[in-house]
Every structure is written in C-alpha cells, then in structure tokens.
Amino acid sequence: MKKIYKYMVLSIAAVTFSCNDAIEIEQVGRLGAEQAFETVSDLESGILGTYNNFDYTPSIQWESNFTDEIAIGPDNGGQGIGIYQWVVTPQSAASVALWTNYYAALNSANRIIEAAANITPETGEEADYNNVLGEAHALRAWAHFELWSYFTPDYLDANSPSVLLVNFVPGVSDQLSRSTSAEILAQVTSDLDRAAQLLQVTSDPTRVSQDFVTALRARVALYTQDYTTADAAAASLLGSYNLANQAQFTAMWDDADNTEVIFKLERSVGDPYDGQGSTGSAFAGGWAGANYAFVNPTVDGSPYFVASSDLFALMPAGDIRRDVYIDESAAPAYDVLPVGKYPGSGGQPLLNDLKIFRAADMLLIRAEAAVANNNLAAAAGYIDQLRDARYGSDQATPTIANQTAGYALVLQERRVEFAFEGHRYRDLKRLGSRASVGISRPSAECDVYGACTLASTDFRFTLPIPLVELDANPAITEQNPGY
C-alpha cells in the first residue's frame, strides 16, 4: 500500500540544513522533540516523515550523467552538459544536493531517536516503539553511508577524511569538523547493530526491516572490501529472495512485483515527489524518469538523455533488460534509445518506486567476493545464474581468465543490471582500477563535448565538500584532493 508519504510532521518534514551551515538547524520557534513527539503514535508518524526525507533521484541523475550510462538526447536544451563534460567544483549541484539531502535525512532520524528516549511506551506498545526506533537507527546508518560513499577519497584508508558525524540534533552554535572514514563506518555499524536488536519485522519491501539491515551490511562490506562479511550477508538474503523471472522483472519496473525487491522507496500519485524535478541537475527530485525525459519515456516523449549506445550493445535481443531499460518505441531502428526503466505507475508517466536493494545486487556481491578470493569458477557461475534469469533460458557460462578479467566482468554485469539506478559512479570508483576500466564513451557521443575517456582513479570520483559548507563552517579545514 502506498502509505509512507501521506505523513508529514511539522517538526521534521521541512528540515534541511540552512545555507549557512549544514549542521546549524535548530531554529527559533521550532518545536522541540518533547513537544512534537509525546506518544508512540507520534513516533510512528514521525518515522514516516523521516522516510519522506530520503530521495535517491539525485544519485540516479548524477551517476548516469557523469558516467557512461547516457548520451545527450535529441531534446536536450543544455541539461546536464557540464556534468557530462566532467565539470565538478565545490559549487556543483551534485555536491550541494547530496550533502544537504542526506544531512536533512540524518536530522530527521536523529530527532526520532532523541524523542524516543523521552517516551515510555504503554503496555502493548513496546513492539511498535522498538520497531520505530530500529527504523530510525537503520535510516541514520544509511544516510551516513551514502555521505561517506560520495565524499570520502579513499574507501580503504581508515584515516581518510570523510564527512561530519552527526548522531545528535545539533544546535546553531555547533560546528563539526570532518570525521575519519573509520569513525563514520563505526557509527554505521553501531546503528545497524542497534537496529538489528530493535526491529520487529523480518522483511518489508517499503519499510526498514531486518533484511534491510543485512542488505546494507552487505553493501558496506562490499565497498570496504570485507568480502567475507559481504558474501555471508548476501548469501543469507538469497535464501529468502529469488531472482525475478522475465515476467516478474518487467512487472517490477511497473511497480507491480516485488519478487526480488528487498527495499525500495515508494512513490505514488499525489505524494511530495509527484512532479517533474530539476531536469539535468543532481538536485533532481520528482519523478525518477524525469531524469531522462520531459514528458514520457518514449521516442516522442522529449528525451534529453538517452541510453549510451555502448550500454545498449551489452543487452542483445532476448535479454529482458533490453526490453525494459530501452523503451519499446525505439524498435526496430534503435537510432534513439529512450530510457524506459521508469515508465510510470498509477497513471503517471515517469513516476516509479526507487529500488534500493535487490536480489540481483546480492548475487553480484557474491560474484565479486568470489573473484576477490580467486574462485573464478564460482564467480562465473553467479553471473551465469543472473543471465539465465534475464534471458529466460540457459546461457553459456562465461570463462574468466584471471582476477582482472573477473573484476571487469562483474563491473560489466553491474553496468547492465543496475543501469539508471544510481550505482555506476561509485562502482567505477571502487572497482575500476582493479578491472582496468574507466569511463569510455563512443566517439559519436563524446567528441563534440571533448569528454570521451576518464580514468576511474580521477579525483572527480570523489565529490568536493560544498563551498557553502566550507564558507560557513570554519571547523572544516580540508577540502578533498583536486578541488
């Protein structure tokens, strides 16, 4: 049921970090936690408002536009050209949007956690109380992880400067310096541990559950190359979630099937995200499909970004991903490749749920872990399993010659499977050098823009700390390299 976005709580729904400082958020006249939240029912409404602060469309926009997922479409009027040319500065929209969005979400989660400490549940309310508190801890972990993944230069260096650790509700006088990567990851782990103790629900595709916690643990471990933890977490989830067959896969992108969905952000007609967001900008928002087209996902729907021809070439006939990810109006000529992954639901074109964790993700985590352990046959088997599901028939098992080739194959399969879902930029950052892969666009799609190849080791695979934050917060004394 489309329910999450019906609830907006005055004390948290409008929370965002001010233009003066990402942590200066306690405004005069704002209701405090003790006034806004007095009962378990209040907490329940509040956590729904917290979900409302999470928006993944900026990630979808940024990771498509910057990398090799898209080409400039026929109806482009200048949208996203700077990003396509890899122009990234501390004033860039991506830097500001991702920073402020996730800190707003953190603030919402912190308010729930702080308020819950002052509420004693009535008899019979303990389970609901614990579940809401568990959701808040898990969502705080997710927000910190997303920030860490975009703004930390080195995922493997414990001392790498990272983001601001905000596990409380700051006041206007608070100014925080950057924490280290290890400190942020410790907070993520602590919150996931606490969530696992509290959550009462094992699985729910639209609410945080125990399975959400396990999936996030798997992704954190993947990024930090803790492949033992990543593989175990992914394997445990694959015991409960099957890969979608071709019919289910198609229905999943119409929001009509959750066979392999572990968690998604719901979107529905009339909610705050029902509208066209900032097109061609990492501020995005609104309909997910509006990241690529103005009207609808067809050839005639004013596509301003289209799928890269190189990406299209990786989806031959028979691969259901070709039919779903490229709108059917492109056939048979395929001279324009409109993105069809977000066709719309509820009668609204381009409006779809945002899939965050899927069974396919867990399978490819297992494949990458197998490559890391030099078990190349197992890695090939996992990839073959995914391809069999996507083609609807038995496919030849790929042959992997060595680890470099294995990482390249995993990266290629992730490029296809998670196209337009907000993964490619960070996948290239963490895996590109081991796979000897960077951004490489077809000359017809890049020559005129002077942006054809970019190494995955380029400094722009880490976002800069926003200038607006640096100007207002003297406690931050170090910008990311290259900026």
Protein backbone atom coordinates (compact mmCIF):
# COMPACT_ATOMS: atom_id res chain seq x y z
CA MET A 1 0.00 0.00 0.00
CA LYS A 2 1.23 3.47 -0.87
CA LYS A 3 1.34 4.90 2.62
CA ILE A 4 4.70 6.32 3.59
CA TYR A 5 4.35 9.77 2.05
CA LYS A 6 0.93 10.58 3.46
CA TYR A 7 2.56 11.70 6.69
CA MET A 8 4.43 14.92 7.17
CA VAL A 9 5.35 16.04 10.66
CA LEU A 10 5.79 19.74 11.28
CA SER A 11 8.92 19.37 13.33
CA ILE A 12 10.82 17.30 10.78
CA ALA A 13 9.18 17.37 7.37
CA ALA A 14 10.70 20.68 6.35
CA VAL A 15 14.06 20.04 7.96
CA THR A 16 17.05 20.77 5.80
CA PHE A 17 20.37 22.28 6.57
CA SER A 18 20.46 26.00 6.17
CA CYS A 19 22.54 27.78 3.58
CA ASN A 20 24.72 28.97 6.43
CA ASP A 21 25.86 25.61 7.70
CA ALA A 22 24.82 22.02 7.20
CA ILE A 23 24.60 21.49 10.93
CA GLU A 24 23.06 24.80 12.01
CA ILE A 25 19.50 23.59 12.08
CA GLU A 26 17.94 24.49 15.43
CA GLN A 27 15.71 27.45 14.56
CA VAL A 28 13.95 29.77 16.96
CA GLY A 29 10.30 28.82 17.32
CA ARG A 30 10.76 25.26 16.05
CA LEU A 31 9.01 22.59 18.07
CA GLY A 32 11.40 20.55 20.14
CA ALA A 33 11.25 16.78 20.28
CA GLU A 34 9.48 16.82 23.61
CA GLN A 35 6.63 18.93 22.17
CA ALA A 36 6.38 17.30 18.75
CA PHE A 37 6.58 13.70 19.97
CA GLU A 38 4.67 12.65 23.05
CA THR A 39 3.39 9.16 22.21
CA VAL A 40 4.40 6.07 20.28
CA SER A 41 1.82 7.07 17.68
CA ASP A 42 3.66 10.38 17.26
CA LEU A 43 6.89 8.49 16.71
CA GLU A 44 5.22 6.34 14.06
CA SER A 45 4.05 9.42 12.18
CA GLY A 46 7.50 10.92 12.62
CA ILE A 47 9.33 7.96 11.13
CA LEU A 48 7.12 8.13 8.07
CA GLY A 49 8.16 11.75 7.75
CA THR A 50 11.78 10.62 8.00
CA TYR A 51 11.31 8.25 5.06
CA ASN A 52 9.98 11.24 3.17
CA ASN A 53 13.36 12.96 3.56
CA PHE A 54 15.13 10.20 1.63
CA ASP A 55 15.29 10.82 -2.10
CA TYR A 56 17.51 8.72 -4.36
CA THR A 57 16.83 10.62 -7.60
CA PRO A 58 19.89 12.89 -7.16
CA SER A 59 22.07 9.76 -7.09
CA ILE A 60 20.31 8.36 -10.17
CA GLN A 61 20.79 11.65 -12.02
CA TRP A 62 24.40 12.19 -11.03
CA GLU A 63 25.64 8.66 -11.63
CA SER A 64 24.02 8.44 -15.07
CA ASN A 65 25.05 11.89 -16.25
CA PHE A 66 28.67 11.75 -15.10
CA THR A 67 29.44 8.24 -16.33
CA ASP A 68 28.88 6.17 -19.48
CA GLU A 69 25.23 5.25 -18.93
CA ILE A 70 23.76 8.01 -21.09
CA ALA A 71 24.29 10.09 -24.19
CA ILE A 72 22.88 13.53 -24.89
CA GLY A 73 19.37 13.13 -26.27
CA PRO A 74 17.58 14.86 -29.16
CA ASP A 75 15.53 17.16 -26.92
CA ASN A 76 18.43 18.29 -24.77
CA GLY A 77 18.50 22.03 -24.33
CA GLY A 78 21.69 22.17 -22.31
CA GLN A 79 20.56 19.97 -19.43
CA GLY A 80 23.48 18.28 -17.70
CA ILE A 81 26.11 19.21 -20.30
CA GLY A 82 28.58 20.43 -17.68
CA ILE A 83 28.31 17.19 -15.73
CA TYR A 84 28.65 15.21 -18.97
CA GLN A 85 31.90 17.10 -19.54
CA TRP A 86 33.02 16.23 -16.00
CA VAL A 87 32.96 19.78 -14.72
CA VAL A 88 32.87 19.35 -10.96
CA THR A 89 33.54 22.11 -8.44
CA PRO A 90 32.65 22.79 -4.80
CA GLN A 91 29.71 24.82 -6.15
CA SER A 92 28.35 21.93 -8.25
CA ALA A 93 24.74 20.92 -7.73
CA ALA A 94 25.66 17.28 -7.05
CA SER A 95 27.93 18.21 -4.19
CA VAL A 96 25.34 20.51 -2.60
CA ALA A 97 22.31 18.30 -3.24
CA LEU A 98 23.74 15.05 -1.94
CA TRP A 99 25.27 16.76 1.09
CA THR A 100 22.16 18.66 2.14
CA ASN A 101 19.66 15.92 1.29
CA TYR A 102 21.35 13.27 3.39
CA TYR A 103 22.03 15.60 6.29
CA ALA A 104 18.35 16.55 6.28
CA ALA A 105 17.53 12.85 6.46
CA LEU A 106 20.04 12.41 9.28
CA ASN A 107 18.46 15.23 11.20
CA SER A 108 15.04 13.62 10.89
CA ALA A 109 16.32 10.27 12.13
CA ASN A 110 18.17 11.92 15.00
CA ARG A 111 15.01 13.70 16.11
CA ILE A 112 13.14 10.39 16.30
CA ILE A 113 15.95 8.76 18.29
CA GLU A 114 16.20 11.74 20.65
CA ALA A 115 12.43 11.92 21.13
CA ALA A 116 12.09 8.20 21.77
CA ALA A 117 14.36 8.50 24.79
CA ASN A 118 11.73 10.67 26.46
CA ILE A 119 8.75 8.39 25.75
CA THR A 120 7.76 5.36 27.78
CA PRO A 121 5.55 3.03 25.72
CA GLU A 122 2.24 1.92 27.18
CA THR A 123 1.53 -1.76 27.74
CA GLY A 124 1.18 -3.40 24.34
CA GLU A 125 3.11 -0.64 22.55
CA GLU A 126 6.60 -1.96 23.20
CA ALA A 127 6.95 -3.76 19.88
CA ASP A 128 5.83 -0.72 17.87
CA TYR A 129 8.13 1.54 19.89
CA ASN A 130 11.12 -0.72 19.33
CA ASN A 131 10.40 -1.06 15.64
CA VAL A 132 10.21 2.69 15.05
CA LEU A 133 13.43 3.22 16.97
CA GLY A 134 15.08 0.44 14.98
CA GLU A 135 13.97 2.05 11.72
CA ALA A 136 15.45 5.37 12.81
CA HIS A 137 18.83 3.80 13.62
CA ALA A 138 18.91 1.93 10.30
CA LEU A 139 17.97 5.03 8.32
CA ARG A 140 20.66 7.03 10.13
CA ALA A 141 23.17 4.35 9.18
CA TRP A 142 22.07 4.53 5.54
CA ALA A 143 22.36 8.32 5.41
CA HIS A 144 25.84 8.29 6.93
CA PHE A 145 26.90 5.56 4.49
CA GLU A 146 25.64 7.45 1.45
CA LEU A 147 27.51 10.58 2.54
CA TRP A 148 30.63 8.52 3.24
CA SER A 149 30.46 6.90 -0.21
CA TYR A 150 30.36 10.22 -2.09
CA PHE A 151 32.72 12.40 -0.05
CA THR A 152 35.42 10.01 1.23
CA PRO A 153 38.51 9.98 -1.03
CA ASP A 154 39.79 6.53 -0.07
CA TYR A 155 37.35 3.81 0.97
CA LEU A 156 40.16 1.59 2.25
CA ASP A 157 42.09 4.14 4.34
CA ALA A 158 40.72 4.24 7.87
CA ASN A 159 42.22 7.71 8.34
CA SER A 160 40.87 9.16 5.12
CA PRO A 161 38.96 12.39 5.86
CA SER A 162 35.27 11.75 5.45
CA VAL A 163 32.09 13.64 6.38
CA LEU A 164 30.56 15.13 9.51
CA LEU A 165 29.43 12.55 12.02
CA VAL A 166 26.02 13.76 13.17
CA ASN A 167 24.45 11.34 15.64
CA PHE A 168 22.61 14.01 17.63
CA VAL A 169 20.43 17.03 16.93
CA PRO A 170 22.87 19.94 16.61
CA GLY A 171 22.24 23.46 17.79
CA VAL A 172 23.04 26.66 15.94
CA SER A 173 26.35 27.06 17.76
CA ASP A 174 27.66 23.61 16.87
CA GLN A 175 30.37 23.40 14.23
CA LEU A 176 31.76 19.99 13.41
CA SER A 177 34.99 19.01 11.71
CA ARG A 178 35.29 16.10 9.31
CA SER A 179 35.46 12.68 10.90
CA THR A 180 37.67 9.93 9.57
CA SER A 181 36.41 7.12 7.40
CA ALA A 182 36.80 4.70 10.32
CA GLU A 183 34.71 6.90 12.61
CA ILE A 184 31.85 7.15 10.12
CA LEU A 185 31.89 3.41 9.43
CA ALA A 186 31.94 2.69 13.17
CA GLN A 187 28.79 4.78 13.55
CA VAL A 188 27.16 2.96 10.64
CA THR A 189 27.98 -0.40 12.22
CA SER A 190 26.78 0.72 15.64
CA ASP A 191 23.46 1.91 14.24
CA LEU A 192 22.96 -1.29 12.25
CA ASP A 193 23.70 -3.37 15.33
CA ARG A 194 21.19 -1.37 17.34
CA ALA A 195 18.60 -1.62 14.58
CA ALA A 196 19.04 -5.39 14.43
CA GLN A 197 18.29 -5.57 18.17
CA LEU A 198 15.14 -3.49 17.88
CA LEU A 199 13.43 -4.27 14.58
CA GLN A 200 10.37 -6.50 14.83
CA VAL A 201 9.88 -7.08 11.10
CA THR A 202 11.94 -9.53 9.06
CA SER A 203 11.03 -8.30 5.59
CA ASP A 204 9.04 -5.46 4.05
CA PRO A 205 9.83 -4.01 0.62
CA THR A 206 8.75 -0.49 1.62
CA ARG A 207 9.85 -0.27 5.26
CA VAL A 208 13.15 -0.85 7.01
CA SER A 209 13.36 -4.42 8.25
CA GLN A 210 15.94 -6.96 9.37
CA ASP A 211 16.55 -7.72 5.69
CA PHE A 212 17.27 -4.03 5.02
CA VAL A 213 19.89 -4.14 7.76
CA THR A 214 21.50 -7.25 6.26
CA ALA A 215 21.48 -5.76 2.75
CA LEU A 216 23.10 -2.54 3.95
CA ARG A 217 25.72 -4.55 5.84
CA ALA A 218 26.48 -6.38 2.59
CA ARG A 219 26.89 -3.15 0.65
CA VAL A 220 29.07 -1.50 3.30
CA ALA A 221 31.29 -4.58 3.40
CA LEU A 222 31.47 -4.64 -0.41
CA TYR A 223 32.68 -1.04 -0.56
CA THR A 224 35.33 -1.67 2.10
CA GLN A 225 36.41 -4.99 0.54
CA ASP A 226 35.40 -7.01 3.56
CA TYR A 227 34.36 -9.79 1.25
CA THR A 228 33.82 -12.41 3.94
CA THR A 229 31.11 -10.30 5.57
CA ALA A 230 29.69 -9.18 2.23
CA ASP A 231 29.39 -12.71 0.89
CA ALA A 232 27.80 -14.09 4.05
CA ALA A 233 25.22 -11.31 4.24
CA ALA A 234 24.39 -11.59 0.55
CA ALA A 235 24.09 -15.38 0.75
CA SER A 236 21.70 -15.15 3.69
CA LEU A 237 19.37 -12.87 1.75
CA LEU A 238 19.45 -15.01 -1.36
CA GLY A 239 17.98 -17.76 0.77
CA SER A 240 14.83 -15.65 1.04
CA TYR A 241 14.72 -13.67 -2.22
CA ASN A 242 14.61 -15.18 -5.69
CA LEU A 243 15.72 -13.53 -8.89
CA ALA A 244 12.71 -12.31 -10.85
CA ASN A 245 11.82 -14.26 -13.96
CA GLN A 246 11.27 -12.26 -17.15
CA ALA A 247 7.60 -11.53 -16.47
CA GLN A 248 8.29 -10.59 -12.87
CA PHE A 249 11.23 -8.43 -13.91
CA THR A 250 9.03 -6.44 -16.28
CA ALA A 251 6.36 -6.09 -13.61
CA MET A 252 8.94 -4.96 -11.05
CA TRP A 253 9.66 -1.84 -13.08
CA ASP A 254 5.93 -1.18 -13.33
CA ASP A 255 5.85 -1.37 -9.50
CA ALA A 256 3.63 -4.44 -9.75
CA ASP A 257 6.01 -7.15 -8.46
CA ASN A 258 8.40 -7.33 -5.51
CA THR A 259 9.84 -10.81 -6.01
CA GLU A 260 13.45 -9.67 -5.81
CA VAL A 261 12.96 -6.31 -4.09
CA ILE A 262 14.50 -6.20 -0.63
CA PHE A 263 13.80 -2.49 -0.15
CA LYS A 264 12.51 0.38 -2.24
CA LEU A 265 11.39 3.96 -1.66
CA GLU A 266 7.72 4.17 -2.56
CA ARG A 267 6.45 6.87 -4.88
CA SER A 268 2.76 7.44 -5.64
CA VAL A 269 0.48 9.93 -7.34
CA GLY A 270 -0.13 12.92 -5.10
CA ASP A 271 2.90 12.46 -2.88
CA PRO A 272 5.59 15.16 -2.49
CA TYR A 273 7.66 13.57 -5.28
CA ASP A 274 4.83 13.53 -7.82
CA GLY A 275 6.14 16.18 -10.22
CA GLN A 276 8.93 16.96 -12.59
CA GLY A 277 12.11 17.61 -10.66
CA SER A 278 15.10 19.72 -11.63
CA THR A 279 15.89 18.18 -15.02
CA GLY A 280 19.52 17.68 -15.87
CA SER A 281 20.57 18.56 -12.33
CA ALA A 282 21.74 16.50 -9.41
CA PHE A 283 19.10 18.30 -7.38
CA ALA A 284 16.66 16.13 -9.37
CA GLY A 285 13.67 15.22 -7.20
CA GLY A 286 10.26 14.35 -8.53
CA TRP A 287 9.63 11.51 -10.98
CA ALA A 288 12.61 9.20 -11.43
CA GLY A 289 12.01 9.05 -15.19
CA ALA A 290 12.22 12.84 -15.41
CA ASN A 291 15.95 12.36 -15.03
CA TYR A 292 15.93 11.38 -18.71
CA ALA A 293 12.82 12.78 -20.42
CA PHE A 294 10.40 15.67 -20.08
CA VAL A 295 7.07 14.03 -20.96
CA ASN A 296 7.23 10.23 -21.07
CA PRO A 297 9.82 7.51 -21.74
CA THR A 298 9.10 7.12 -25.46
CA VAL A 299 10.91 8.38 -28.53
CA ASP A 300 8.28 11.13 -28.73
CA GLY A 301 8.43 11.91 -25.00
CA SER A 302 11.13 14.59 -25.31
CA PRO A 303 14.15 12.57 -24.14
CA TYR A 304 17.01 14.87 -23.20
CA PHE A 305 19.22 11.98 -22.08
CA VAL A 306 19.20 8.62 -23.86
CA ALA A 307 20.96 5.34 -23.18
CA SER A 308 24.55 5.08 -24.33
CA SER A 309 24.94 3.02 -27.49
CA ASP A 310 27.72 1.07 -25.79
CA LEU A 311 25.40 0.16 -22.93
CA PHE A 312 22.70 -0.84 -25.40
CA ALA A 313 25.17 -3.13 -27.17
CA LEU A 314 25.60 -5.08 -23.93
CA MET A 315 21.88 -6.00 -23.99
CA PRO A 316 21.28 -8.19 -27.05
CA ALA A 317 17.87 -9.40 -28.19
CA GLY A 318 16.47 -11.92 -25.72
CA ASP A 319 17.82 -10.10 -22.67
CA ILE A 320 14.74 -8.81 -20.84
CA ARG A 321 16.80 -5.85 -19.63
CA ARG A 322 16.90 -4.56 -23.20
CA ASP A 323 13.11 -4.63 -23.39
CA VAL A 324 12.68 -2.96 -20.01
CA TYR A 325 15.55 -0.47 -19.95
CA ILE A 326 15.10 0.77 -23.53
CA ASP A 327 11.56 1.87 -24.32
CA GLU A 328 9.81 -0.27 -26.92
CA SER A 329 9.20 2.79 -29.08
CA ALA A 330 12.90 2.65 -30.01
CA ALA A 331 12.43 -0.57 -32.01
CA PRO A 332 13.19 -1.54 -34.70
CA ALA A 333 15.56 1.26 -35.76
CA TYR A 334 17.13 1.97 -32.35
CA ASP A 335 18.55 5.25 -33.63
CA VAL A 336 17.19 6.95 -30.47
CA LEU A 337 17.43 4.98 -27.23
CA PRO A 338 14.98 6.45 -24.69
CA VAL A 339 15.36 5.19 -21.14
CA GLY A 340 12.35 3.02 -20.37
CA LYS A 341 13.27 1.86 -16.88
CA TYR A 342 10.85 4.31 -15.25
CA PRO A 343 7.73 4.08 -17.44
CA GLY A 344 5.43 5.34 -14.70
CA SER A 345 2.75 3.83 -12.49
CA GLY A 346 -0.63 4.81 -11.16
CA GLY A 347 -1.36 6.52 -14.46
CA GLN A 348 1.54 8.98 -14.12
CA PRO A 349 4.32 8.60 -16.69
CA LEU A 350 7.87 8.64 -15.32
CA LEU A 351 6.77 8.14 -11.67
CA ASN A 352 8.07 4.91 -10.16
CA ASP A 353 9.33 3.48 -6.91
CA LEU A 354 13.10 3.74 -6.36
CA LYS A 355 14.67 0.30 -5.93
CA ILE A 356 17.49 0.39 -3.38
CA PHE A 357 18.31 -3.27 -2.64
CA ARG A 358 17.51 -6.20 -4.92
CA ALA A 359 18.37 -9.89 -5.05
CA ALA A 360 20.46 -9.27 -8.18
CA ASP A 361 22.65 -6.95 -6.13
CA MET A 362 23.27 -9.70 -3.61
CA LEU A 363 24.14 -12.19 -6.36
CA LEU A 364 26.69 -9.87 -7.92
CA ILE A 365 28.14 -9.14 -4.48
CA ARG A 366 28.75 -12.88 -4.21
CA ALA A 367 30.33 -12.88 -7.67
CA GLU A 368 32.71 -10.06 -6.73
CA ALA A 369 33.61 -11.76 -3.47
CA ALA A 370 34.39 -14.93 -5.38
CA VAL A 371 36.71 -13.04 -7.72
CA ALA A 372 38.45 -11.45 -4.72
CA ASN A 373 39.03 -14.95 -3.35
CA ASN A 374 40.28 -16.08 -6.78
CA ASN A 375 37.39 -18.52 -7.06
CA LEU A 376 36.78 -17.61 -10.68
CA ALA A 377 34.58 -20.59 -11.48
CA ALA A 378 32.17 -19.64 -8.69
CA ALA A 379 32.11 -16.03 -9.90
CA ALA A 380 31.31 -17.18 -13.43
CA GLY A 381 28.54 -19.36 -12.04
CA TYR A 382 26.87 -16.47 -10.22
CA ILE A 383 26.94 -14.31 -13.33
CA ASP A 384 25.58 -17.19 -15.40
CA GLN A 385 22.74 -17.57 -12.89
CA LEU A 386 21.79 -13.92 -13.34
CA ARG A 387 21.99 -14.12 -17.14
CA ASP A 388 19.86 -17.26 -17.20
CA ALA A 389 17.14 -15.36 -15.33
CA ARG A 390 17.36 -12.31 -17.58
CA TYR A 391 17.36 -14.31 -20.82
CA GLY A 392 14.76 -16.78 -19.59
CA SER A 393 16.83 -19.72 -20.76
CA ASP A 394 20.12 -21.44 -20.08
CA GLN A 395 23.09 -19.36 -21.23
CA ALA A 396 26.70 -20.31 -21.74
CA THR A 397 28.71 -19.91 -18.56
CA PRO A 398 31.35 -17.20 -19.09
CA THR A 399 35.04 -18.08 -18.87
CA ILE A 400 37.19 -15.89 -16.61
CA ALA A 401 40.93 -15.97 -17.30
CA ASN A 402 42.20 -14.09 -14.23
CA GLN A 403 41.16 -11.75 -11.44
CA THR A 404 41.43 -8.60 -13.54
CA ALA A 405 39.12 -10.15 -16.13
CA GLY A 406 36.84 -11.29 -13.30
CA TYR A 407 36.51 -7.82 -11.85
CA ALA A 408 35.91 -6.44 -15.36
CA LEU A 409 33.13 -8.99 -15.94
CA VAL A 410 31.47 -8.19 -12.62
CA LEU A 411 31.71 -4.48 -13.37
CA GLN A 412 30.21 -5.00 -16.82
CA GLU A 413 27.33 -7.06 -15.43
CA ARG A 414 26.68 -4.42 -12.79
CA ARG A 415 26.71 -1.77 -15.51
CA VAL A 416 23.92 -3.59 -17.33
CA GLU A 417 21.88 -4.84 -14.38
CA PHE A 418 21.89 -1.57 -12.42
CA ALA A 419 21.83 0.89 -15.31
CA PHE A 420 19.97 4.09 -14.33
CA GLU A 421 19.69 3.01 -10.67
CA GLY A 422 22.48 5.12 -9.16
CA HIS A 423 25.46 2.74 -8.90
CA ARG A 424 27.83 3.27 -11.84
CA TYR A 425 29.87 6.22 -10.49
CA ARG A 426 30.70 4.51 -7.21
CA ASP A 427 31.20 1.12 -8.85
CA LEU A 428 33.85 2.63 -11.11
CA LYS A 429 35.48 4.39 -8.17
CA ARG A 430 35.83 1.28 -6.04
CA LEU A 431 36.32 -1.38 -8.73
CA GLY A 432 37.54 0.36 -11.89
CA SER A 433 41.27 0.25 -11.18
CA ARG A 434 41.18 -3.46 -10.33
CA ALA A 435 39.25 -4.12 -13.54
CA SER A 436 41.36 -1.73 -15.67
CA VAL A 437 38.11 0.03 -16.60
CA GLY A 438 37.18 3.71 -16.63
CA ILE A 439 34.65 5.84 -18.46
CA SER A 440 34.94 5.29 -22.21
CA ARG A 441 32.22 6.78 -24.39
CA PRO A 442 31.63 6.16 -28.12
CA SER A 443 33.24 8.91 -30.17
CA ALA A 444 29.94 9.86 -31.79
CA GLU A 445 28.55 10.62 -28.33
CA CYS A 446 31.50 12.47 -26.87
CA ASP A 447 33.79 14.10 -29.44
CA VAL A 448 31.77 17.29 -29.69
CA TYR A 449 31.86 17.64 -25.90
CA GLY A 450 35.55 16.82 -25.50
CA ALA A 451 34.75 14.22 -22.86
CA CYS A 452 35.41 10.69 -24.09
CA THR A 453 37.60 8.94 -21.53
CA LEU A 454 38.18 9.37 -17.83
CA ALA A 455 40.22 7.09 -15.58
CA SER A 456 38.45 5.64 -12.56
CA THR A 457 41.31 6.99 -10.42
CA ASP A 458 40.45 10.59 -11.35
CA PHE A 459 39.91 12.84 -8.32
CA ARG A 460 36.38 13.65 -9.52
CA PHE A 461 35.22 10.20 -8.44
CA THR A 462 35.07 11.82 -5.01
CA LEU A 463 32.77 14.80 -4.65
CA PRO A 464 34.04 18.05 -3.14
CA ILE A 465 32.81 19.33 0.19
CA PRO A 466 30.29 22.02 -0.86
CA LEU A 467 31.62 25.55 -0.82
CA VAL A 468 28.55 26.73 1.08
CA GLU A 469 29.56 24.41 3.91
CA LEU A 470 33.21 25.43 3.86
CA ASP A 471 32.32 29.13 3.92
CA ALA A 472 30.04 28.77 6.93
CA ASN A 473 31.84 26.12 8.93
CA PRO A 474 35.43 27.03 9.83
CA ALA A 475 35.83 23.69 11.64
CA ILE A 476 36.24 22.07 8.22
CA THR A 477 39.80 22.84 7.26
CA GLU A 478 40.42 20.29 4.50
CA GLN A 479 38.85 20.07 1.05
CA ASN A 480 39.00 16.85 -0.95
CA PRO A 481 42.02 16.44 -3.28
CA GLY A 482 41.86 18.11 -6.66
CA TYR A 483 39.43 20.84 -5.69
